[in-house]
Amino acid sequence: MLTDPLFYALAIPAVVLMGLAKGGFSGVGAMSMPLLALAVPPVQAAAILLPILIVQDMVSVWAFRRDWDRGVLAVMLPGAVVGIVAGYLLAAKVSSVAVLAVLGAISILFAAHRLWLSRGGRIAAPANSPPWVGGLFGVAAGFTSQIAHAGGPPFQMWVLPRGLSPASLIGTTAIFFAVVNWIKVPAYLALGQFTAANLLTAAALMPVAIASTFAGVWLVKRVQAERFYTLIYILMALVGVQLLWEAFRA
């Protein structure tokens, strides 16, 4: 198990953010990967977070198992598989510095997209776009999920215009990313990242993740989230810039 105090100083807030996202603060969990990548290589950071995500997914899927859209999953999941393979090949074939640069870029784009949406902007596919467009968004969601556990924006760009009911949207999102996270397991096995140290570290962080998920469920009904979101996405953009700087100077 990792014992570096700096790692846990970053990992605990990262896992708390991931738990809050699963509890209702949608999107803030994307900060977890770039934050953790300040302490360990990005592929290792993703491998530590993946088992935690899978456990959290079980709760989400169970809660919304009756509300989901079969058509959305049929269109987007095949593309997601292609994106995951592309993300795996990138991590396997290039240096960790290149992966760090890609993670930094994804972090900045994710934060910019969220800040744009918070100010009334809209970047989405037309509601009547054909299935192949959804497949392309699936590729993008799979790729960004494999590299940074941040597949939400591409997924939402195609799904939100579909006009699903709130319960169906949440359930479809939960099932999509639960399946995507399980598909990523062989990729991280092939990368040799499910070491005893990484899995024990994930297990040590698991109670924090579970507690913060329940905290998110409680807090989302009681706090004004707008300023919280804005602060998180600004910090995410700054962390992305830091990751790019570290990659370019390496």
C-alpha atoms as a PDB file:
ATOM      1  CA  MET A   1       0.000   0.000   0.000  1.00  0.00           C
ATOM      2  CA  LEU A   2       1.217   3.507  -0.770  1.00  0.00           C
ATOM      3  CA  THR A   3       2.337   5.363   2.359  1.00  0.00           C
ATOM      4  CA  ASP A   4       3.485   8.765   1.046  1.00  0.00           C
ATOM      5  CA  PRO A   5       1.726  11.489   3.118  1.00  0.00           C
ATOM      6  CA  LEU A   6       1.597  13.793   0.061  1.00  0.00           C
ATOM      7  CA  PHE A   7      -0.300  11.117  -1.848  1.00  0.00           C
ATOM      8  CA  TYR A   8      -3.005  10.876   0.830  1.00  0.00           C
ATOM      9  CA  ALA A   9      -3.151  14.658   1.198  1.00  0.00           C
ATOM     10  CA  LEU A  10      -4.306  14.701  -2.421  1.00  0.00           C
ATOM     11  CA  ALA A  11      -6.050  11.308  -2.584  1.00  0.00           C
ATOM     12  CA  ILE A  12      -8.486  11.923   0.257  1.00  0.00           C
ATOM     13  CA  PRO A  13      -9.900  15.157  -1.252  1.00  0.00           C
ATOM     14  CA  ALA A  14      -9.950  13.437  -4.659  1.00  0.00           C
ATOM     15  CA  VAL A  15     -11.977  10.515  -3.340  1.00  0.00           C
ATOM     16  CA  VAL A  16     -14.282  12.846  -1.386  1.00  0.00           C
ATOM     17  CA  LEU A  17     -15.033  14.736  -4.604  1.00  0.00           C
ATOM     18  CA  MET A  18     -15.717  11.458  -6.397  1.00  0.00           C
ATOM     19  CA  GLY A  19     -18.091  10.420  -3.629  1.00  0.00           C
ATOM     20  CA  LEU A  20     -19.882  13.776  -3.694  1.00  0.00           C
ATOM     21  CA  ALA A  21     -20.342  13.372  -7.456  1.00  0.00           C
ATOM     22  CA  LYS A  22     -21.941   9.956  -7.006  1.00  0.00           C
ATOM     23  CA  GLY A  23     -24.104  11.424  -4.248  1.00  0.00           C
ATOM     24  CA  GLY A  24     -25.571  14.123  -6.460  1.00  0.00           C
ATOM     25  CA  PHE A  25     -22.950  16.814  -7.191  1.00  0.00           C
ATOM     26  CA  SER A  26     -22.664  15.710 -10.818  1.00  0.00           C
ATOM     27  CA  GLY A  27     -19.382  16.511 -12.534  1.00  0.00           C
ATOM     28  CA  VAL A  28     -17.162  17.377  -9.574  1.00  0.00           C
ATOM     29  CA  GLY A  29     -15.720  13.858  -9.547  1.00  0.00           C
ATOM     30  CA  ALA A  30     -13.818  14.670 -12.727  1.00  0.00           C
ATOM     31  CA  MET A  31     -11.459  16.692 -10.504  1.00  0.00           C
ATOM     32  CA  SER A  32     -10.305  13.481  -8.802  1.00  0.00           C
ATOM     33  CA  MET A  33      -8.011  12.155 -11.525  1.00  0.00           C
ATOM     34  CA  PRO A  34      -6.062  15.344 -12.254  1.00  0.00           C
ATOM     35  CA  LEU A  35      -5.700  16.000  -8.524  1.00  0.00           C
ATOM     36  CA  LEU A  36      -4.346  12.504  -7.867  1.00  0.00           C
ATOM     37  CA  ALA A  37      -2.049  12.742 -10.884  1.00  0.00           C
ATOM     38  CA  LEU A  38      -0.149  15.489  -9.064  1.00  0.00           C
ATOM     39  CA  ALA A  39       1.110  12.779  -6.690  1.00  0.00           C
ATOM     40  CA  VAL A  40       1.449   9.613  -8.818  1.00  0.00           C
ATOM     41  CA  PRO A  41       1.637   8.805 -12.557  1.00  0.00           C
ATOM     42  CA  PRO A  42      -1.758   9.280 -14.241  1.00  0.00           C
ATOM     43  CA  VAL A  43      -2.235   5.648 -15.267  1.00  0.00           C
ATOM     44  CA  GLN A  44      -1.539   4.522 -11.701  1.00  0.00           C
ATOM     45  CA  ALA A  45      -3.934   7.165 -10.366  1.00  0.00           C
ATOM     46  CA  ALA A  46      -6.680   5.893 -12.677  1.00  0.00           C
ATOM     47  CA  ALA A  47      -6.041   2.292 -11.627  1.00  0.00           C
ATOM     48  CA  ILE A  48      -6.354   3.183  -7.925  1.00  0.00           C
ATOM     49  CA  LEU A  49      -9.632   5.024  -8.510  1.00  0.00           C
ATOM     50  CA  LEU A  50     -11.225   2.398 -10.767  1.00  0.00           C
ATOM     51  CA  PRO A  51     -12.129  -0.190  -8.062  1.00  0.00           C
ATOM     52  CA  ILE A  52     -13.652   2.612  -5.983  1.00  0.00           C
ATOM     53  CA  LEU A  53     -15.756   3.728  -8.949  1.00  0.00           C
ATOM     54  CA  ILE A  54     -16.948   0.169  -9.550  1.00  0.00           C
ATOM     55  CA  VAL A  55     -18.148  -0.187  -5.949  1.00  0.00           C
ATOM     56  CA  GLN A  56     -19.939   3.161  -6.141  1.00  0.00           C
ATOM     57  CA  ASP A  57     -21.519   2.134  -9.461  1.00  0.00           C
ATOM     58  CA  MET A  58     -23.108  -0.887  -7.799  1.00  0.00           C
ATOM     59  CA  VAL A  59     -25.085   1.403  -5.502  1.00  0.00           C
ATOM     60  CA  SER A  60     -26.160   3.699  -8.353  1.00  0.00           C
ATOM     61  CA  VAL A  61     -27.219   0.864 -10.666  1.00  0.00           C
ATOM     62  CA  TRP A  62     -29.210  -0.849  -7.937  1.00  0.00           C
ATOM     63  CA  ALA A  63     -31.013   2.381  -7.068  1.00  0.00           C
ATOM     64  CA  PHE A  64     -32.018   3.103 -10.690  1.00  0.00           C
ATOM     65  CA  ARG A  65     -32.149  -0.418 -12.145  1.00  0.00           C
ATOM     66  CA  ARG A  66     -35.744   0.037 -13.365  1.00  0.00           C
ATOM     67  CA  ASP A  67     -35.227   3.381 -15.120  1.00  0.00           C
ATOM     68  CA  TRP A  68     -32.954   3.339 -18.156  1.00  0.00           C
ATOM     69  CA  ASP A  69     -33.061   3.754 -21.925  1.00  0.00           C
ATOM     70  CA  ARG A  70     -32.059   0.667 -23.893  1.00  0.00           C
ATOM     71  CA  GLY A  71     -31.663   2.607 -27.156  1.00  0.00           C
ATOM     72  CA  VAL A  72     -29.074   5.033 -25.775  1.00  0.00           C
ATOM     73  CA  LEU A  73     -26.956   2.192 -24.412  1.00  0.00           C
ATOM     74  CA  ALA A  74     -27.228   0.214 -27.665  1.00  0.00           C
ATOM     75  CA  VAL A  75     -25.940   3.206 -29.635  1.00  0.00           C
ATOM     76  CA  MET A  76     -23.204   4.478 -27.308  1.00  0.00           C
ATOM     77  CA  LEU A  77     -21.656   1.404 -25.686  1.00  0.00           C
ATOM     78  CA  PRO A  78     -20.072  -0.035 -28.878  1.00  0.00           C
ATOM     79  CA  GLY A  79     -18.419   3.316 -29.508  1.00  0.00           C
ATOM     80  CA  ALA A  80     -17.288   3.459 -25.889  1.00  0.00           C
ATOM     81  CA  VAL A  81     -15.467   0.144 -26.356  1.00  0.00           C
ATOM     82  CA  VAL A  82     -13.566   1.648 -29.302  1.00  0.00           C
ATOM     83  CA  GLY A  83     -12.696   4.704 -27.209  1.00  0.00           C
ATOM     84  CA  ILE A  84     -11.479   2.581 -24.301  1.00  0.00           C
ATOM     85  CA  VAL A  85      -9.228   0.574 -26.629  1.00  0.00           C
ATOM     86  CA  ALA A  86      -7.845   3.821 -28.063  1.00  0.00           C
ATOM     87  CA  GLY A  87      -7.170   5.130 -24.559  1.00  0.00           C
ATOM     88  CA  TYR A  88      -5.465   1.868 -23.621  1.00  0.00           C
ATOM     89  CA  LEU A  89      -3.246   1.986 -26.729  1.00  0.00           C
ATOM     90  CA  LEU A  90      -2.264   5.562 -25.920  1.00  0.00           C
ATOM     91  CA  ALA A  91      -1.272   4.624 -22.372  1.00  0.00           C
ATOM     92  CA  ALA A  92       0.545   1.481 -23.556  1.00  0.00           C
ATOM     93  CA  LYS A  93       2.450   3.019 -26.469  1.00  0.00           C
ATOM     94  CA  VAL A  94       3.480   6.470 -25.266  1.00  0.00           C
ATOM     95  CA  SER A  95       5.350   7.750 -22.240  1.00  0.00           C
ATOM     96  CA  SER A  96       3.704   8.684 -18.957  1.00  0.00           C
ATOM     97  CA  VAL A  97       4.631  12.291 -19.778  1.00  0.00           C
ATOM     98  CA  ALA A  98       2.423  12.180 -22.885  1.00  0.00           C
ATOM     99  CA  VAL A  99      -0.445  10.703 -20.859  1.00  0.00           C
ATOM    100  CA  LEU A 100       0.055  13.499 -18.324  1.00  0.00           C
ATOM    101  CA  ALA A 101      -0.242  16.089 -21.100  1.00  0.00           C
ATOM    102  CA  VAL A 102      -3.421  14.457 -22.437  1.00  0.00           C
ATOM    103  CA  LEU A 103      -4.888  14.375 -18.916  1.00  0.00           C
ATOM    104  CA  GLY A 104      -4.047  18.054 -18.442  1.00  0.00           C
ATOM    105  CA  ALA A 105      -5.731  18.947 -21.736  1.00  0.00           C
ATOM    106  CA  ILE A 106      -8.835  16.894 -20.909  1.00  0.00           C
ATOM    107  CA  SER A 107      -9.036  18.557 -17.486  1.00  0.00           C
ATOM    108  CA  ILE A 108      -8.927  22.051 -18.983  1.00  0.00           C
ATOM    109  CA  LEU A 109     -11.513  21.202 -21.665  1.00  0.00           C
ATOM    110  CA  PHE A 110     -13.811  19.535 -19.119  1.00  0.00           C
ATOM    111  CA  ALA A 111     -13.626  22.547 -16.790  1.00  0.00           C
ATOM    112  CA  ALA A 112     -14.178  24.998 -19.657  1.00  0.00           C
ATOM    113  CA  HIS A 113     -17.204  23.010 -20.855  1.00  0.00           C
ATOM    114  CA  ARG A 114     -18.751  22.958 -17.379  1.00  0.00           C
ATOM    115  CA  LEU A 115     -18.141  26.675 -16.806  1.00  0.00           C
ATOM    116  CA  TRP A 116     -19.663  27.391 -20.229  1.00  0.00           C
ATOM    117  CA  LEU A 117     -22.782  25.402 -19.322  1.00  0.00           C
ATOM    118  CA  SER A 118     -23.065  27.157 -15.959  1.00  0.00           C
ATOM    119  CA  ARG A 119     -23.310  30.464 -17.813  1.00  0.00           C
ATOM    120  CA  GLY A 120     -26.074  29.346 -20.115  1.00  0.00           C
ATOM    121  CA  GLY A 121     -23.970  27.982 -22.967  1.00  0.00           C
ATOM    122  CA  ARG A 122     -25.025  24.855 -24.807  1.00  0.00           C
ATOM    123  CA  ILE A 123     -22.845  22.428 -26.733  1.00  0.00           C
ATOM    124  CA  ALA A 124     -24.945  19.438 -27.742  1.00  0.00           C
ATOM    125  CA  ALA A 125     -25.873  17.278 -30.696  1.00  0.00           C
ATOM    126  CA  PRO A 126     -29.266  17.985 -32.297  1.00  0.00           C
ATOM    127  CA  ALA A 127     -32.108  15.949 -30.825  1.00  0.00           C
ATOM    128  CA  ASN A 128     -32.656  14.216 -34.171  1.00  0.00           C
ATOM    129  CA  SER A 129     -29.003  13.366 -34.855  1.00  0.00           C
ATOM    130  CA  PRO A 130     -28.559   9.850 -36.314  1.00  0.00           C
ATOM    131  CA  PRO A 131     -27.227   6.899 -34.291  1.00  0.00           C
ATOM    132  CA  TRP A 132     -23.759   7.091 -35.838  1.00  0.00           C
ATOM    133  CA  VAL A 133     -23.323  10.511 -34.219  1.00  0.00           C
ATOM    134  CA  GLY A 134     -24.177   8.926 -30.877  1.00  0.00           C
ATOM    135  CA  GLY A 135     -21.578   6.276 -31.637  1.00  0.00           C
ATOM    136  CA  LEU A 136     -18.928   8.962 -32.124  1.00  0.00           C
ATOM    137  CA  PHE A 137     -19.868  10.579 -28.830  1.00  0.00           C
ATOM    138  CA  GLY A 138     -19.612   7.085 -27.315  1.00  0.00           C
ATOM    139  CA  VAL A 139     -16.037   6.826 -28.633  1.00  0.00           C
ATOM    140  CA  ALA A 140     -15.199  10.179 -27.042  1.00  0.00           C
ATOM    141  CA  ALA A 141     -16.831   9.160 -23.752  1.00  0.00           C
ATOM    142  CA  GLY A 142     -14.936   5.863 -23.681  1.00  0.00           C
ATOM    143  CA  PHE A 143     -11.598   7.514 -24.479  1.00  0.00           C
ATOM    144  CA  THR A 144     -11.875  10.277 -21.883  1.00  0.00           C
ATOM    145  CA  SER A 145     -13.171   7.782 -19.339  1.00  0.00           C
ATOM    146  CA  GLN A 146     -10.218   5.457 -19.938  1.00  0.00           C
ATOM    147  CA  ILE A 147      -7.662   8.251 -19.639  1.00  0.00           C
ATOM    148  CA  ALA A 148      -9.247  10.460 -16.988  1.00  0.00           C
ATOM    149  CA  HIS A 149     -12.486   8.859 -15.670  1.00  0.00           C
ATOM    150  CA  ALA A 150     -14.151  11.899 -17.246  1.00  0.00           C
ATOM    151  CA  GLY A 151     -16.535  10.602 -19.880  1.00  0.00           C
ATOM    152  CA  GLY A 152     -19.507  12.662 -18.724  1.00  0.00           C
ATOM    153  CA  PRO A 153     -19.449  15.633 -21.149  1.00  0.00           C
ATOM    154  CA  PRO A 154     -19.374  13.601 -24.420  1.00  0.00           C
ATOM    155  CA  PHE A 155     -22.072  11.303 -23.042  1.00  0.00           C
ATOM    156  CA  GLN A 156     -24.286  14.213 -22.015  1.00  0.00           C
ATOM    157  CA  MET A 157     -23.820  16.103 -25.293  1.00  0.00           C
ATOM    158  CA  TRP A 158     -25.635  13.350 -27.143  1.00  0.00           C
ATOM    159  CA  VAL A 159     -28.001  12.077 -24.451  1.00  0.00           C
ATOM    160  CA  LEU A 160     -29.415  15.298 -22.960  1.00  0.00           C
ATOM    161  CA  PRO A 161     -31.170  16.386 -26.192  1.00  0.00           C
ATOM    162  CA  ARG A 162     -32.979  13.024 -26.208  1.00  0.00           C
ATOM    163  CA  GLY A 163     -35.332  14.439 -23.550  1.00  0.00           C
ATOM    164  CA  LEU A 164     -35.220  11.468 -21.184  1.00  0.00           C
ATOM    165  CA  SER A 165     -37.110  11.703 -17.910  1.00  0.00           C
ATOM    166  CA  PRO A 166     -34.905  12.610 -14.920  1.00  0.00           C
ATOM    167  CA  ALA A 167     -35.065   9.068 -13.521  1.00  0.00           C
ATOM    168  CA  SER A 168     -34.301   7.519 -16.912  1.00  0.00           C
ATOM    169  CA  LEU A 169     -31.407   9.923 -17.491  1.00  0.00           C
ATOM    170  CA  ILE A 170     -29.847   9.097 -14.105  1.00  0.00           C
ATOM    171  CA  GLY A 171     -30.411   5.375 -14.559  1.00  0.00           C
ATOM    172  CA  THR A 172     -29.038   5.322 -18.112  1.00  0.00           C
ATOM    173  CA  THR A 173     -25.987   7.305 -17.025  1.00  0.00           C
ATOM    174  CA  ALA A 174     -25.389   4.985 -14.071  1.00  0.00           C
ATOM    175  CA  ILE A 175     -25.631   1.829 -16.188  1.00  0.00           C
ATOM    176  CA  PHE A 176     -23.545   3.251 -19.047  1.00  0.00           C
ATOM    177  CA  PHE A 177     -20.615   4.173 -16.811  1.00  0.00           C
ATOM    178  CA  ALA A 178     -20.932   1.012 -14.723  1.00  0.00           C
ATOM    179  CA  VAL A 179     -20.505  -1.042 -17.907  1.00  0.00           C
ATOM    180  CA  VAL A 180     -17.724   1.250 -19.157  1.00  0.00           C
ATOM    181  CA  ASN A 181     -15.826   0.916 -15.874  1.00  0.00           C
ATOM    182  CA  TRP A 182     -15.982  -2.897 -16.026  1.00  0.00           C
ATOM    183  CA  ILE A 183     -14.798  -2.818 -19.660  1.00  0.00           C
ATOM    184  CA  LYS A 184     -11.793  -0.783 -18.508  1.00  0.00           C
ATOM    185  CA  VAL A 185     -10.687  -3.527 -16.093  1.00  0.00           C
ATOM    186  CA  PRO A 186      -8.914  -5.709 -18.737  1.00  0.00           C
ATOM    187  CA  ALA A 187      -7.133  -2.604 -20.051  1.00  0.00           C
ATOM    188  CA  TYR A 188      -5.682  -1.794 -16.644  1.00  0.00           C
ATOM    189  CA  LEU A 189      -4.808  -5.447 -16.101  1.00  0.00           C
ATOM    190  CA  ALA A 190      -2.923  -5.418 -19.406  1.00  0.00           C
ATOM    191  CA  LEU A 191      -1.126  -2.251 -18.327  1.00  0.00           C
ATOM    192  CA  GLY A 192      -0.010  -4.060 -15.158  1.00  0.00           C
ATOM    193  CA  GLN A 193      -1.626  -1.490 -12.879  1.00  0.00           C
ATOM    194  CA  PHE A 194      -3.676  -3.762 -10.614  1.00  0.00           C
ATOM    195  CA  THR A 195      -0.734  -4.386  -8.325  1.00  0.00           C
ATOM    196  CA  ALA A 196      -1.137  -5.380  -4.692  1.00  0.00           C
ATOM    197  CA  ALA A 197      -0.015  -1.895  -3.643  1.00  0.00           C
ATOM    198  CA  ASN A 198      -2.577  -0.143  -5.847  1.00  0.00           C
ATOM    199  CA  LEU A 199      -5.446  -2.433  -4.820  1.00  0.00           C
ATOM    200  CA  LEU A 200      -4.615  -2.116  -1.115  1.00  0.00           C
ATOM    201  CA  THR A 201      -4.462   1.647  -1.504  1.00  0.00           C
ATOM    202  CA  ALA A 202      -7.886   1.619  -3.178  1.00  0.00           C
ATOM    203  CA  ALA A 203      -9.225  -0.525  -0.323  1.00  0.00           C
ATOM    204  CA  ALA A 204      -7.844   1.924   2.244  1.00  0.00           C
ATOM    205  CA  LEU A 205      -9.623   4.799   0.494  1.00  0.00           C
ATOM    206  CA  MET A 206     -12.907   2.918   0.050  1.00  0.00           C
ATOM    207  CA  PRO A 207     -14.474   3.950   3.409  1.00  0.00           C
ATOM    208  CA  VAL A 208     -13.816   7.602   2.559  1.00  0.00           C
ATOM    209  CA  ALA A 209     -15.502   7.107  -0.814  1.00  0.00           C
ATOM    210  CA  ILE A 210     -18.585   5.443   0.660  1.00  0.00           C
ATOM    211  CA  ALA A 211     -18.950   8.015   3.448  1.00  0.00           C
ATOM    212  CA  SER A 212     -18.584  10.929   1.024  1.00  0.00           C
ATOM    213  CA  THR A 213     -21.201   9.399  -1.300  1.00  0.00           C
ATOM    214  CA  PHE A 214     -23.750   9.407   1.521  1.00  0.00           C
ATOM    215  CA  ALA A 215     -22.583  12.917   2.465  1.00  0.00           C
ATOM    216  CA  GLY A 216     -23.256  14.042  -1.102  1.00  0.00           C
ATOM    217  CA  VAL A 217     -26.789  12.645  -0.962  1.00  0.00           C
ATOM    218  CA  TRP A 218     -27.385  14.599   2.259  1.00  0.00           C
ATOM    219  CA  LEU A 219     -25.666  17.832   1.206  1.00  0.00           C
ATOM    220  CA  VAL A 220     -27.110  18.159  -2.295  1.00  0.00           C
ATOM    221  CA  LYS A 221     -30.542  18.811  -0.764  1.00  0.00           C
ATOM    222  CA  ARG A 222     -29.296  21.409   1.703  1.00  0.00           C
ATOM    223  CA  VAL A 223     -26.635  23.648   0.146  1.00  0.00           C
ATOM    224  CA  GLN A 224     -26.432  26.172  -2.659  1.00  0.00           C
ATOM    225  CA  ALA A 225     -24.232  24.356  -5.157  1.00  0.00           C
ATOM    226  CA  GLU A 226     -23.547  27.068  -7.764  1.00  0.00           C
ATOM    227  CA  ARG A 227     -20.492  28.658  -6.142  1.00  0.00           C
ATOM    228  CA  PHE A 228     -19.181  25.252  -5.121  1.00  0.00           C
ATOM    229  CA  TYR A 229     -19.323  24.057  -8.734  1.00  0.00           C
ATOM    230  CA  THR A 230     -17.688  27.208 -10.050  1.00  0.00           C
ATOM    231  CA  LEU A 231     -14.822  26.942  -7.572  1.00  0.00           C
ATOM    232  CA  ILE A 232     -14.241  23.256  -8.375  1.00  0.00           C
ATOM    233  CA  TYR A 233     -14.110  23.831 -12.134  1.00  0.00           C
ATOM    234  CA  ILE A 234     -11.775  26.806 -11.823  1.00  0.00           C
ATOM    235  CA  LEU A 235      -9.480  24.703  -9.643  1.00  0.00           C
ATOM    236  CA  MET A 236      -9.736  21.865 -12.162  1.00  0.00           C
ATOM    237  CA  ALA A 237      -8.626  24.149 -14.976  1.00  0.00           C
ATOM    238  CA  LEU A 238      -5.678  25.343 -12.870  1.00  0.00           C
ATOM    239  CA  VAL A 239      -4.677  21.760 -12.034  1.00  0.00           C
ATOM    240  CA  GLY A 240      -4.918  20.937 -15.749  1.00  0.00           C
ATOM    241  CA  VAL A 241      -2.546  23.798 -16.529  1.00  0.00           C
ATOM    242  CA  GLN A 242      -0.165  22.494 -13.848  1.00  0.00           C
ATOM    243  CA  LEU A 243      -0.247  18.987 -15.362  1.00  0.00           C
ATOM    244  CA  LEU A 244       0.501  20.382 -18.813  1.00  0.00           C
ATOM    245  CA  TRP A 245       3.369  22.420 -17.377  1.00  0.00           C
ATOM    246  CA  GLU A 246       4.831  19.354 -15.680  1.00  0.00           C
ATOM    247  CA  ALA A 247       4.515  17.354 -18.907  1.00  0.00           C
ATOM    248  CA  PHE A 248       6.183  20.004 -21.061  1.00  0.00           C
ATOM    249  CA  ARG A 249       9.098  20.583 -18.697  1.00  0.00           C
ATOM    250  CA  ALA A 250       9.764  16.833 -18.194  1.00  0.00           C
END
